[in-house]
Amino acid sequence: MAHQYPRTLTIAGSDSSGGAGIEADLKTFTVHGCYGMTCITGLTAQNTKGVRQIYPVESQEMIENTLDAVFSDVGVDVVKTGMLTSKTTVETVARKLKQYHDKKPVVVDPVMVSTSGANLIGEDALETYVTELLPLATVVTPNINEAAEIVKHISSDPSDAIRKVGSVEDMKRIAKHIREGLKCEAVLLKGGHAGMDDDLNLADPGKETKVVDVLYNGKFHIFTSKFINSTSTHGTGCTLASAIASNLANGETIESATQLAVRFVQRAIANAIPLGNGNGPVNHVFNIHTRPFVLGHFVEYLLSHPKVASIWDRYVNHPFTVQLAQHTLPLHKFLYFLKQDYLYLKHYSRAYSLAGFKTEDPEAMLNSAHVVKTIARESELHLDYCKMFGLEKGDILASEEGQACYAYTRYILDVGSREDWLGLQVALSPCLFGYLEAAENRVKDPQSVREGNLYWKWVENYTSAEFKESSKQGHQLLETHVADVSPQRVEQLVDIFATSTKMEIAFWDAALAHEDK
């Protein structure tokens, strides 16, 4: 049933204010991960204060052609119907569903009666609804007033079944009566217009505490929600039906699809943003989060983030590297840096080993192993480089770990102990990305001195093909693993990256500030 991209079709009217009709349906389809399509049966000029005009699509040829086009090409997993403006439109839709969508999921929101109780379609259309369309439904979703109209057309004595709703038991009786009369698969009787008290009896206005929806598909399923005193309820019926359709398209059972949809609408009302001067719309997109970066450009987003941009520039153009490349850096400061950097690499390797342990992704494990291997090679080169300045391994290991080195390495290891793989990877990234960029900046700097520069080997090490490959792999892994994180998590990662970058700056600051005792 469930496709990689579930396909849903709404056959309904358009709401110019965007709160109901196909506009509500498409928003709901989208937030449920479905591909939404439309067959528009009518246009409305309306806002939060009411409907000003309805312009029905009277051309059945247009409706037929629309349905033919959709079903014959993209295909449809679940159909949701809403406002069908005439008897002939109901007949056309029913006929096309039998032709293309026989015995497949259909959710019918029987838009027949307004909240005030006025009929929205003619009596002949109501009869056609009951005899032609509703029996095709997987789920029919009437409110109390619509249920009364349906009962009138399926009962010889409708007064017996549709007495004034005073309790959940009354709702159960009506839902069962409608299902048995229509012989559809399930009926969801909506109780939004009949608020209940804590005992699930009809409450007096202003004293409602519960809303009850009753699903009957051979068994009763009662969905009880907190009553929300809100004027932002425009489009709840459309939204509920399209949410059920979306959930069915995603492979849910009728019961679970309905329960999820009821909860979705509840949260959409609770998270509504007041709009207009009347009954505003629910918030269909309350659970959609916009990724703050284009997929594949997370690192670019990091480096340009307000928390990072200025400190990143200080880091990759740090005076330490500038003096190093211009051969003006005092030797004792460089030697201090070499000792501290070797001690740092030991802990950096530990952190990457921990990253390999924290992931189940084989590619990430391989990357960690590759970086650890690169660090081992870098450490050997480091020792060889130190020998050029008379520093032996024993001298380096006997060196005291400076405060900047200690703070930075313990921060990374702390992140590794409390964060997931991604958090640790982000903490490690400023070193991996920044050393490459800093070294490349020095290569591009016309004031850099290559010939006779004792320090130029440092620039060459961090612009080597091997180090570039390590940086590239780390970059690609970050882009892959950050794709599905929440906006809140992205900001946490930004903070981790910014802190590590500040630690890098402090590391080089300490080297510049060092004076031999």
Protein backbone atom coordinates (compact mmCIF):
# COMPACT_ATOMS: atom_id res chain seq x y z
CA MET A 1 0.00 0.00 0.00
CA ALA A 2 2.62 2.51 1.07
CA HIS A 3 4.76 3.82 -1.77
CA GLN A 4 8.12 5.47 -1.48
CA TYR A 5 6.18 8.68 -2.13
CA PRO A 6 2.49 8.14 -1.28
CA ARG A 7 0.11 9.76 -3.78
CA THR A 8 -3.03 11.48 -2.54
CA LEU A 9 -5.81 13.20 -4.47
CA THR A 10 -8.28 15.74 -3.12
CA ILE A 11 -11.53 16.29 -5.00
CA ALA A 12 -12.89 19.43 -3.42
CA GLY A 13 -13.43 23.15 -3.62
CA SER A 14 -10.90 25.93 -3.27
CA ASP A 15 -10.79 28.29 -0.29
CA SER A 16 -9.40 31.70 -1.20
CA SER A 17 -8.41 32.30 2.44
CA GLY A 18 -6.28 29.14 2.49
CA GLY A 19 -7.74 27.59 5.63
CA ALA A 20 -10.01 24.91 4.20
CA GLY A 21 -10.69 23.09 0.93
CA ILE A 22 -7.89 21.97 -1.33
CA GLU A 23 -5.53 24.49 0.26
CA ALA A 24 -5.90 22.78 3.63
CA ASP A 25 -5.71 19.36 1.99
CA LEU A 26 -2.48 20.06 0.13
CA LYS A 27 -0.79 21.48 3.22
CA THR A 28 -1.86 18.43 5.20
CA PHE A 29 -0.72 16.01 2.49
CA THR A 30 2.66 17.71 2.37
CA VAL A 31 3.35 17.64 6.10
CA HIS A 32 2.50 13.93 6.09
CA GLY A 33 5.03 13.22 3.36
CA CYS A 34 2.49 12.65 0.59
CA TYR A 35 2.39 13.91 -2.99
CA GLY A 36 -0.86 15.85 -3.26
CA MET A 37 -2.96 16.32 -6.41
CA THR A 38 -6.25 18.14 -6.97
CA CYS A 39 -9.52 18.07 -8.83
CA ILE A 40 -11.23 21.38 -8.13
CA THR A 41 -15.02 21.22 -7.98
CA GLY A 42 -15.66 24.85 -7.16
CA LEU A 43 -14.13 28.19 -6.30
CA THR A 44 -15.07 30.18 -3.24
CA ALA A 45 -14.57 33.82 -2.35
CA GLN A 46 -14.24 33.66 1.42
CA ASN A 47 -12.24 34.76 4.41
CA THR A 48 -12.27 34.10 8.14
CA LYS A 49 -15.61 35.92 8.47
CA GLY A 50 -17.56 33.89 5.95
CA VAL A 51 -18.21 32.81 2.37
CA ARG A 52 -19.02 35.62 -0.06
CA GLN A 53 -19.52 33.62 -3.22
CA ILE A 54 -19.33 30.06 -4.55
CA TYR A 55 -18.53 29.48 -8.20
CA PRO A 56 -19.12 25.78 -8.94
CA VAL A 57 -17.29 23.96 -11.71
CA GLU A 58 -20.36 22.96 -13.69
CA SER A 59 -18.48 21.42 -16.59
CA GLN A 60 -18.47 17.69 -15.94
CA GLU A 61 -16.14 17.34 -18.90
CA MET A 62 -13.56 19.39 -17.00
CA ILE A 63 -13.94 17.28 -13.87
CA GLU A 64 -13.77 14.05 -15.89
CA ASN A 65 -10.69 15.21 -17.81
CA THR A 66 -8.98 16.21 -14.57
CA LEU A 67 -9.61 12.82 -12.99
CA ASP A 68 -8.62 10.98 -16.17
CA ALA A 69 -5.37 12.96 -16.32
CA VAL A 70 -4.43 12.26 -12.70
CA PHE A 71 -5.38 8.59 -12.52
CA SER A 72 -3.92 7.66 -15.92
CA ASP A 73 -0.49 9.15 -15.27
CA VAL A 74 0.81 9.72 -11.75
CA GLY A 75 -1.73 7.40 -10.15
CA VAL A 76 -3.46 7.69 -6.79
CA ASP A 77 -3.13 5.69 -3.59
CA VAL A 78 -5.85 7.41 -1.56
CA VAL A 79 -8.65 9.79 -2.55
CA LYS A 80 -10.17 12.40 -0.25
CA THR A 81 -13.36 14.19 -1.27
CA GLY A 82 -14.71 17.43 0.10
CA MET A 83 -17.14 19.95 -1.34
CA LEU A 84 -18.99 18.49 -4.33
CA THR A 85 -21.23 21.27 -5.55
CA SER A 86 -24.01 19.47 -7.41
CA LYS A 87 -25.82 16.20 -8.03
CA THR A 88 -24.06 15.74 -11.37
CA THR A 89 -20.65 16.34 -9.79
CA VAL A 90 -21.35 13.72 -7.13
CA GLU A 91 -22.40 11.30 -9.89
CA THR A 92 -19.29 12.04 -11.95
CA VAL A 93 -16.95 11.56 -9.01
CA ALA A 94 -18.63 8.31 -7.94
CA ARG A 95 -18.47 6.94 -11.49
CA LYS A 96 -14.80 7.82 -11.90
CA LEU A 97 -13.90 6.29 -8.54
CA LYS A 98 -15.56 3.04 -9.61
CA GLN A 99 -13.63 3.21 -12.88
CA TYR A 100 -10.16 4.00 -11.52
CA HIS A 101 -10.18 3.46 -7.77
CA ASP A 102 -12.51 0.56 -7.08
CA LYS A 103 -12.01 -1.04 -3.66
CA LYS A 104 -9.15 1.35 -2.86
CA PRO A 105 -9.07 3.82 0.04
CA VAL A 106 -11.44 6.76 -0.20
CA VAL A 107 -12.04 9.25 2.62
CA VAL A 108 -15.27 11.19 2.18
CA ASP A 109 -15.78 14.42 4.07
CA PRO A 110 -19.51 14.88 3.35
CA VAL A 111 -19.63 18.66 3.06
CA MET A 112 -23.41 19.00 3.11
CA VAL A 113 -24.38 21.28 5.96
CA SER A 114 -22.86 24.48 7.34
CA THR A 115 -22.04 24.94 11.00
CA SER A 116 -25.28 26.90 11.37
CA GLY A 117 -27.26 23.95 9.98
CA ALA A 118 -28.01 25.30 6.49
CA ASN A 119 -27.78 22.89 3.55
CA LEU A 120 -24.84 23.64 1.25
CA ILE A 121 -26.10 21.40 -1.58
CA GLY A 122 -29.54 20.52 -2.90
CA GLU A 123 -31.73 17.70 -1.68
CA ASP A 124 -31.19 15.75 -4.91
CA ALA A 125 -27.41 15.97 -4.40
CA LEU A 126 -27.80 14.73 -0.83
CA GLU A 127 -29.68 11.69 -2.06
CA THR A 128 -26.99 10.97 -4.66
CA TYR A 129 -24.29 11.34 -2.02
CA VAL A 130 -25.97 8.69 0.11
CA THR A 131 -26.74 6.24 -2.68
CA GLU A 132 -23.72 6.65 -4.97
CA LEU A 133 -20.68 8.06 -3.18
CA LEU A 134 -20.79 7.26 0.52
CA PRO A 135 -21.02 3.47 0.03
CA LEU A 136 -17.65 3.66 -1.77
CA ALA A 137 -15.95 5.22 1.24
CA THR A 138 -13.31 3.64 3.40
CA VAL A 139 -14.03 6.30 5.99
CA VAL A 140 -16.92 8.80 6.06
CA THR A 141 -16.32 11.78 8.38
CA PRO A 142 -19.62 13.57 9.11
CA ASN A 143 -20.09 16.13 11.84
CA ILE A 144 -23.27 16.02 13.93
CA ASN A 145 -25.34 18.07 11.45
CA GLU A 146 -24.11 16.10 8.44
CA ALA A 147 -24.83 12.86 10.26
CA ALA A 148 -28.42 14.01 10.74
CA GLU A 149 -28.81 14.57 7.00
CA ILE A 150 -27.36 11.17 6.17
CA VAL A 151 -29.67 9.45 8.65
CA LYS A 152 -32.68 11.17 7.07
CA HIS A 153 -31.85 9.50 3.78
CA ILE A 154 -31.09 6.01 5.06
CA SER A 155 -33.79 5.58 7.71
CA SER A 156 -37.50 4.96 7.48
CA ASP A 157 -37.77 6.52 10.92
CA PRO A 158 -34.81 8.92 11.19
CA SER A 159 -36.02 10.49 14.41
CA ASP A 160 -35.21 7.30 16.27
CA ALA A 161 -31.55 7.33 15.26
CA ILE A 162 -30.79 11.03 15.29
CA ARG A 163 -32.18 12.23 18.55
CA LYS A 164 -30.28 15.19 19.98
CA VAL A 165 -26.77 14.14 20.88
CA GLY A 166 -26.37 14.22 24.63
CA SER A 167 -23.62 11.70 25.28
CA VAL A 168 -20.96 9.49 23.77
CA GLU A 169 -23.48 6.65 23.77
CA ASP A 170 -25.69 8.70 21.45
CA MET A 171 -22.72 9.28 19.13
CA LYS A 172 -21.93 5.57 19.09
CA ARG A 173 -25.50 4.71 18.16
CA ILE A 174 -25.53 7.22 15.30
CA ALA A 175 -22.13 6.12 13.92
CA LYS A 176 -23.22 2.49 13.92
CA HIS A 177 -26.55 3.35 12.30
CA ILE A 178 -24.84 5.25 9.47
CA ARG A 179 -22.29 2.52 8.77
CA GLU A 180 -24.95 -0.16 8.65
CA GLY A 181 -27.16 1.98 6.43
CA LEU A 182 -24.43 2.96 3.98
CA LYS A 183 -22.54 -0.33 4.14
CA CYS A 184 -19.27 1.62 3.97
CA GLU A 185 -16.15 0.41 5.75
CA ALA A 186 -16.02 2.92 8.60
CA VAL A 187 -17.74 6.03 9.94
CA LEU A 188 -16.00 8.69 12.01
CA LEU A 189 -18.60 10.83 13.75
CA LYS A 190 -16.92 14.11 14.66
CA GLY A 191 -17.81 15.72 17.96
CA GLY A 192 -16.17 19.09 17.57
CA HIS A 193 -19.55 20.85 17.58
CA ALA A 194 -20.75 18.95 20.66
CA GLY A 195 -18.29 19.62 23.47
CA MET A 196 -18.49 17.20 26.40
CA ASP A 197 -17.84 17.41 30.13
CA ASP A 198 -15.50 15.16 32.09
CA ASP A 199 -18.22 12.51 32.27
CA LEU A 200 -18.50 12.58 28.46
CA ASN A 201 -21.97 14.06 28.47
CA LEU A 202 -22.97 17.09 26.41
CA ALA A 203 -21.73 20.19 28.23
CA ASP A 204 -23.34 23.59 28.52
CA PRO A 205 -21.67 26.33 26.44
CA GLY A 206 -18.53 27.54 28.18
CA LYS A 207 -18.20 24.41 30.31
CA GLU A 208 -16.78 22.04 27.69
CA THR A 209 -13.68 20.11 28.75
CA LYS A 210 -13.56 17.26 26.21
CA VAL A 211 -14.08 16.67 22.52
CA VAL A 212 -15.05 13.14 21.52
CA ASP A 213 -14.82 11.56 18.07
CA VAL A 214 -16.34 8.12 17.54
CA LEU A 215 -15.03 5.71 14.91
CA TYR A 216 -17.09 2.65 14.08
CA ASN A 217 -15.74 0.01 11.71
CA GLY A 218 -17.48 -2.98 13.25
CA LYS A 219 -15.89 -2.03 16.54
CA PHE A 220 -16.09 1.24 18.42
CA HIS A 221 -12.98 3.36 18.86
CA ILE A 222 -13.41 6.43 21.04
CA PHE A 223 -10.94 9.31 20.65
CA THR A 224 -11.10 11.80 23.50
CA SER A 225 -9.25 15.10 23.26
CA LYS A 226 -8.96 18.16 25.44
CA PHE A 227 -11.43 20.87 24.46
CA ILE A 228 -9.52 23.90 23.18
CA ASN A 229 -11.40 27.17 23.43
CA SER A 230 -10.20 28.70 20.18
CA THR A 231 -11.65 30.66 17.29
CA SER A 232 -8.94 29.24 15.00
CA THR A 233 -10.91 26.21 13.85
CA HIS A 234 -11.60 27.04 10.21
CA GLY A 235 -10.85 24.02 8.04
CA THR A 236 -10.76 21.40 10.78
CA GLY A 237 -13.04 19.03 8.87
CA CYS A 238 -11.00 19.21 5.67
CA THR A 239 -7.78 18.86 7.61
CA LEU A 240 -8.97 15.84 9.58
CA ALA A 241 -10.15 14.00 6.47
CA SER A 242 -6.99 14.74 4.51
CA ALA A 243 -4.85 13.69 7.49
CA ILE A 244 -6.70 10.37 7.61
CA ALA A 245 -6.16 9.97 3.86
CA SER A 246 -2.46 10.75 4.25
CA ASN A 247 -2.06 8.25 7.05
CA LEU A 248 -3.82 5.56 5.02
CA ALA A 249 -1.50 6.34 2.11
CA ASN A 250 1.42 5.86 4.48
CA GLY A 251 0.21 2.36 5.31
CA GLU A 252 -1.66 2.92 8.58
CA THR A 253 -4.77 0.97 9.52
CA ILE A 254 -8.10 2.79 9.66
CA GLU A 255 -7.95 2.96 13.44
CA SER A 256 -4.38 4.24 13.66
CA ALA A 257 -4.84 6.57 10.68
CA THR A 258 -7.82 8.13 12.43
CA GLN A 259 -6.16 8.38 15.82
CA LEU A 260 -3.08 10.04 14.33
CA ALA A 261 -5.28 12.44 12.36
CA VAL A 262 -7.31 13.43 15.43
CA ARG A 263 -4.11 14.15 17.34
CA PHE A 264 -2.73 16.11 14.38
CA VAL A 265 -5.79 18.37 14.19
CA GLN A 266 -5.71 18.85 17.95
CA ARG A 267 -2.14 20.14 17.78
CA ALA A 268 -2.93 22.21 14.68
CA ILE A 269 -5.63 24.03 16.66
CA ALA A 270 -3.43 24.42 19.73
CA ASN A 271 -0.61 25.87 17.62
CA ALA A 272 -2.79 28.12 15.47
CA ILE A 273 -1.49 31.58 14.69
CA PRO A 274 -4.35 34.14 14.91
CA LEU A 275 -5.20 35.36 11.41
CA GLY A 276 -8.08 37.52 10.24
CA ASN A 277 -10.97 38.95 12.19
CA GLY A 278 -13.22 35.90 12.32
CA ASN A 279 -12.71 32.17 12.69
CA GLY A 280 -9.11 31.77 11.66
CA PRO A 281 -7.43 28.68 10.22
CA VAL A 282 -5.67 25.94 12.10
CA ASN A 283 -1.91 25.74 11.77
CA HIS A 284 -1.43 22.94 9.25
CA VAL A 285 2.34 23.22 9.27
CA PHE A 286 2.99 23.40 13.00
CA ASN A 287 5.34 20.42 12.85
CA ILE A 288 7.27 21.46 9.74
CA HIS A 289 10.76 22.77 10.36
CA THR A 290 12.74 24.56 7.68
CA ARG A 291 16.33 23.40 7.37
CA PRO A 292 18.45 26.55 7.73
CA PHE A 293 20.89 25.41 5.05
CA VAL A 294 20.69 23.87 1.60
CA LEU A 295 21.35 20.15 1.73
CA GLY A 296 24.99 19.50 0.95
CA HIS A 297 26.10 22.94 2.15
CA PHE A 298 26.16 22.53 5.93
CA VAL A 299 29.84 23.39 6.28
CA GLU A 300 29.28 26.50 4.20
CA TYR A 301 26.41 27.39 6.55
CA LEU A 302 28.64 26.80 9.57
CA LEU A 303 31.43 29.02 8.34
CA SER A 304 29.09 31.89 7.45
CA HIS A 305 27.01 31.63 10.63
CA PRO A 306 27.05 34.82 12.76
CA LYS A 307 28.45 32.85 15.70
CA VAL A 308 31.31 31.53 13.57
CA ALA A 309 32.15 33.83 10.65
CA SER A 310 34.28 36.42 12.44
CA ILE A 311 36.12 33.97 14.68
CA TRP A 312 36.73 31.65 11.74
CA ASP A 313 38.42 34.49 9.87
CA ARG A 314 40.59 35.21 12.92
CA TYR A 315 41.47 31.53 13.09
CA VAL A 316 42.45 30.85 9.47
CA ASN A 317 44.32 34.17 9.24
CA HIS A 318 45.82 34.02 12.71
CA PRO A 319 48.96 36.14 13.26
CA PHE A 320 50.79 32.98 14.30
CA THR A 321 50.40 31.45 10.84
CA VAL A 322 51.03 34.78 9.13
CA GLN A 323 54.32 35.27 11.01
CA LEU A 324 55.21 31.63 10.42
CA ALA A 325 54.71 32.00 6.65
CA GLN A 326 56.55 35.33 6.52
CA HIS A 327 59.42 33.83 8.53
CA THR A 328 59.12 36.49 11.22
CA LEU A 329 57.93 34.19 14.01
CA PRO A 330 60.44 33.94 16.89
CA LEU A 331 61.90 30.44 17.02
CA HIS A 332 61.13 29.83 20.71
CA LYS A 333 57.44 30.46 20.05
CA PHE A 334 57.42 27.99 17.18
CA LEU A 335 59.23 25.36 19.26
CA TYR A 336 56.67 25.78 22.03
CA PHE A 337 53.92 25.31 19.46
CA LEU A 338 55.55 22.13 18.12
CA LYS A 339 55.67 20.59 21.57
CA GLN A 340 52.08 21.52 22.36
CA ASP A 341 50.86 20.41 18.95
CA TYR A 342 52.38 16.96 19.39
CA LEU A 343 50.63 16.59 22.75
CA TYR A 344 47.43 17.81 21.14
CA LEU A 345 47.66 15.24 18.34
CA LYS A 346 47.74 12.43 20.89
CA HIS A 347 44.37 13.46 22.29
CA TYR A 348 43.04 14.30 18.82
CA SER A 349 43.77 10.72 17.80
CA ARG A 350 41.99 9.45 20.92
CA ALA A 351 38.94 11.52 20.03
CA TYR A 352 38.82 10.14 16.48
CA SER A 353 39.14 6.62 17.85
CA LEU A 354 36.18 7.42 20.10
CA ALA A 355 34.26 8.69 17.06
CA GLY A 356 34.82 5.36 15.35
CA PHE A 357 33.42 3.61 18.41
CA LYS A 358 30.35 5.88 18.59
CA THR A 359 29.10 5.19 15.07
CA GLU A 360 27.50 2.19 13.40
CA ASP A 361 28.05 3.64 9.93
CA PRO A 362 30.83 1.66 8.19
CA GLU A 363 31.84 4.68 6.13
CA ALA A 364 32.18 6.81 9.26
CA MET A 365 34.20 4.05 10.96
CA LEU A 366 36.50 3.90 7.94
CA ASN A 367 36.91 7.66 7.97
CA SER A 368 37.85 7.61 11.66
CA ALA A 369 40.42 4.91 10.98
CA HIS A 370 41.78 6.89 8.04
CA VAL A 371 42.12 10.05 10.14
CA VAL A 372 43.80 8.16 12.99
CA LYS A 373 46.24 6.73 10.45
CA THR A 374 46.82 10.21 9.04
CA ILE A 375 47.45 11.56 12.55
CA ALA A 376 49.96 8.78 13.20
CA ARG A 377 51.76 9.71 9.99
CA GLU A 378 51.49 13.40 10.88
CA SER A 379 52.96 12.69 14.33
CA GLU A 380 55.97 10.96 12.77
CA LEU A 381 56.50 13.87 10.42
CA HIS A 382 56.09 16.13 13.40
CA LEU A 383 58.92 14.36 15.23
CA ASP A 384 61.14 14.47 12.14
CA TYR A 385 60.37 18.15 11.80
CA CYS A 386 61.17 18.74 15.48
CA LYS A 387 64.57 17.10 15.04
CA MET A 388 65.45 19.86 12.58
CA PHE A 389 65.22 22.21 15.54
CA GLY A 390 67.03 19.96 17.99
CA LEU A 391 63.91 18.64 19.68
CA GLU A 392 63.85 14.92 20.49
CA LYS A 393 60.76 12.88 21.26
CA GLY A 394 61.75 12.62 24.91
CA ASP A 395 61.97 16.39 25.18
CA ILE A 396 58.49 16.75 23.75
CA LEU A 397 56.92 14.10 25.95
CA ALA A 398 58.53 15.68 29.00
CA SER A 399 56.96 19.03 28.16
CA GLU A 400 54.18 20.32 30.36
CA GLU A 401 50.81 20.49 28.67
CA GLY A 402 49.86 24.15 28.44
CA GLN A 403 46.52 25.49 29.59
CA ALA A 404 45.31 26.15 26.05
CA CYS A 405 46.19 22.63 24.93
CA TYR A 406 44.67 21.09 28.05
CA ALA A 407 41.44 23.09 27.74
CA TYR A 408 41.02 22.31 24.04
CA THR A 409 41.74 18.58 24.18
CA ARG A 410 39.61 18.03 27.26
CA TYR A 411 36.77 19.96 25.66
CA ILE A 412 36.86 17.67 22.64
CA LEU A 413 36.99 14.55 24.82
CA ASP A 414 34.15 15.92 26.94
CA VAL A 415 32.05 16.44 23.82
CA GLY A 416 32.93 12.89 22.83
CA SER A 417 31.71 11.51 26.14
CA ARG A 418 28.37 13.34 26.25
CA GLU A 419 27.49 13.86 22.60
CA ASP A 420 26.68 11.53 19.72
CA TRP A 421 28.98 10.84 16.78
CA LEU A 422 27.85 13.95 14.95
CA GLY A 423 28.49 16.27 17.88
CA LEU A 424 32.00 14.89 18.30
CA GLN A 425 32.67 15.11 14.57
CA VAL A 426 31.68 18.76 14.58
CA ALA A 427 33.96 19.45 17.56
CA LEU A 428 36.88 17.88 15.67
CA SER A 429 36.17 19.65 12.39
CA PRO A 430 37.69 23.11 13.00
CA CYS A 431 41.13 21.53 13.23
CA LEU A 432 40.60 19.38 10.15
CA PHE A 433 39.13 22.15 8.01
CA GLY A 434 40.92 25.12 9.54
CA TYR A 435 44.51 23.93 9.27
CA LEU A 436 43.98 23.25 5.58
CA GLU A 437 42.41 26.66 4.96
CA ALA A 438 45.01 28.47 7.07
CA ALA A 439 47.85 26.78 5.19
CA GLU A 440 46.22 27.47 1.81
CA ASN A 441 45.80 31.13 2.78
CA ARG A 442 49.50 31.34 3.46
CA VAL A 443 50.28 29.77 0.08
CA LYS A 444 48.13 32.45 -1.58
CA ASP A 445 49.64 35.30 0.45
CA PRO A 446 52.20 37.16 -1.71
CA GLN A 447 54.06 38.21 1.45
CA SER A 448 54.75 34.62 2.41
CA VAL A 449 58.38 33.53 2.19
CA ARG A 450 59.18 30.10 0.84
CA GLU A 451 62.88 30.12 0.19
CA GLY A 452 64.96 29.75 3.33
CA ASN A 453 61.89 29.66 5.56
CA LEU A 454 62.49 27.18 8.40
CA TYR A 455 58.75 26.99 8.99
CA TRP A 456 57.51 26.50 5.43
CA LYS A 457 57.45 22.73 5.88
CA TRP A 458 54.48 23.26 8.21
CA VAL A 459 52.55 24.91 5.36
CA GLU A 460 53.46 22.06 3.00
CA ASN A 461 52.33 19.40 5.48
CA TYR A 462 48.87 20.90 5.76
CA THR A 463 48.42 21.42 2.03
CA SER A 464 49.53 17.88 1.20
CA ALA A 465 47.31 15.60 -0.87
CA GLU A 466 46.88 13.24 2.08
CA PHE A 467 45.69 15.97 4.44
CA LYS A 468 43.39 17.41 1.79
CA GLU A 469 41.82 13.97 1.33
CA SER A 470 41.23 13.63 5.08
CA SER A 471 39.60 17.05 5.17
CA LYS A 472 37.45 16.20 2.13
CA GLN A 473 36.22 12.95 3.67
CA GLY A 474 35.40 14.67 6.94
CA HIS A 475 33.50 17.33 5.02
CA GLN A 476 31.47 14.77 3.07
CA LEU A 477 30.60 12.77 6.18
CA LEU A 478 29.32 15.85 7.96
CA GLU A 479 27.10 16.74 5.01
CA THR A 480 25.67 13.22 4.93
CA HIS A 481 24.93 12.87 8.62
CA VAL A 482 23.52 16.34 9.22
CA ALA A 483 20.74 15.97 6.63
CA ASP A 484 18.02 14.82 9.03
CA VAL A 485 18.80 16.75 12.21
CA SER A 486 16.34 19.27 13.63
CA PRO A 487 16.88 23.05 13.43
CA GLN A 488 17.44 23.06 17.20
CA ARG A 489 20.15 20.42 16.84
CA VAL A 490 21.77 22.40 14.03
CA GLU A 491 22.14 25.38 16.36
CA GLN A 492 23.66 23.13 19.03
CA LEU A 493 26.19 21.94 16.46
CA VAL A 494 26.96 25.54 15.54
CA ASP A 495 27.76 26.25 19.19
CA ILE A 496 30.06 23.22 19.39
CA PHE A 497 31.86 24.26 16.21
CA ALA A 498 32.21 27.85 17.42
CA THR A 499 33.65 26.73 20.76
CA SER A 500 36.23 24.48 19.10
CA THR A 501 37.18 27.32 16.77
CA LYS A 502 37.74 29.63 19.75
CA MET A 503 39.90 26.91 21.31
CA GLU A 504 41.99 26.79 18.12
CA ILE A 505 42.52 30.54 18.31
CA ALA A 506 43.50 30.28 21.97
CA PHE A 507 45.98 27.52 21.08
CA TRP A 508 47.83 29.79 18.66
CA ASP A 509 47.43 32.79 20.98
CA ALA A 510 49.26 30.79 23.65
CA ALA A 511 52.12 30.06 21.27
CA LEU A 512 52.48 33.73 20.36
CA ALA A 513 52.37 34.74 24.02
CA HIS A 514 54.94 32.16 25.12
CA GLU A 515 58.27 33.39 26.43
CA ASP A 516 61.11 31.10 27.47
CA LYS A 517 61.79 31.16 31.18
